[in-house]
Every structure is written in structure tokens, then in C-alpha cells.
Amino acid sequence: MTAHSAALTSRARNLVRTGGPKDDSSWLEHVLGWTLVVVVAMFVTQVGWFF
């Protein structure tokens, strides 16, 4: 790999971004995830879909 193609590959990786959350919001993801789990569990229990 030449220096030019390595630079293009590095630039392409920087341009292709998903727009997802930053690394510092992982606690927020955990809180929202567990909140969703609790809400779904409450819904399933109220509807009577538990086994």
C-alpha cells in the first residue's frame, strides 16, 4: 500500500460516519435500555402474555 492510498483510506474512514451517539453517552444508553425493558415487562404483565 502506498502512502497515497493509505491516506485516502484513512480519509474515507473519517468521512463515513453513522451519526450515532458519542462515547460519553453510554450511561444514557444503559438507562434508556433498562427503562425500555421495564416498560415492556410491565406491559406484558398487564396484558397477560406471561408464561
Protein backbone atom coordinates (compact mmCIF):
# COMPACT_ATOMS: atom_id res chain seq x y z
CA MET A 1 0.00 0.00 0.00
CA THR A 2 1.41 3.33 -0.98
CA ALA A 3 1.33 6.39 1.20
CA HIS A 4 -1.23 7.99 -1.09
CA SER A 5 -3.66 5.05 -0.92
CA ALA A 6 -3.17 4.82 2.85
CA ALA A 7 -4.06 8.49 3.20
CA LEU A 8 -7.18 8.02 1.04
CA THR A 9 -8.25 5.01 3.09
CA SER A 10 -7.83 6.98 6.31
CA ARG A 11 -9.77 9.92 4.90
CA ALA A 12 -12.58 7.64 3.71
CA ARG A 13 -12.90 6.10 7.17
CA ASN A 14 -13.23 9.56 8.71
CA LEU A 15 -15.90 10.61 6.20
CA VAL A 16 -18.09 7.54 6.67
CA ARG A 17 -19.85 8.18 9.98
CA THR A 18 -23.10 6.70 11.21
CA GLY A 19 -24.14 9.71 13.24
CA GLY A 20 -24.67 7.55 16.31
CA PRO A 21 -24.22 8.70 19.90
CA LYS A 22 -20.81 9.70 21.15
CA ASP A 23 -18.78 7.53 23.50
CA ASP A 24 -19.58 9.70 26.53
CA SER A 25 -23.32 8.89 26.46
CA SER A 26 -23.01 5.18 27.25
CA TRP A 27 -24.64 5.64 30.67
CA LEU A 28 -27.63 7.24 28.96
CA GLU A 29 -27.93 4.26 26.62
CA HIS A 30 -27.91 1.88 29.59
CA VAL A 31 -30.56 3.86 31.45
CA LEU A 32 -32.81 4.09 28.39
CA GLY A 33 -32.30 0.41 27.60
CA TRP A 34 -33.25 -0.74 31.08
CA THR A 35 -36.20 1.64 31.11
CA LEU A 36 -37.44 0.02 27.90
CA VAL A 37 -37.02 -3.44 29.44
CA VAL A 38 -39.07 -2.45 32.49
CA VAL A 39 -41.80 -0.83 30.41
CA VAL A 40 -42.11 -3.89 28.15
CA ALA A 41 -42.19 -6.20 31.18
CA MET A 42 -44.94 -4.11 32.78
CA PHE A 43 -46.95 -4.15 29.54
CA VAL A 44 -46.58 -7.91 29.10
CA THR A 45 -47.64 -8.49 32.71
CA GLN A 46 -50.69 -6.23 32.42
CA VAL A 47 -51.83 -7.80 29.15
CA GLY A 48 -51.34 -11.32 30.48
CA TRP A 49 -48.85 -12.55 27.90
CA PHE A 50 -46.50 -14.03 30.50
CA PHE A 51 -45.99 -17.78 30.54
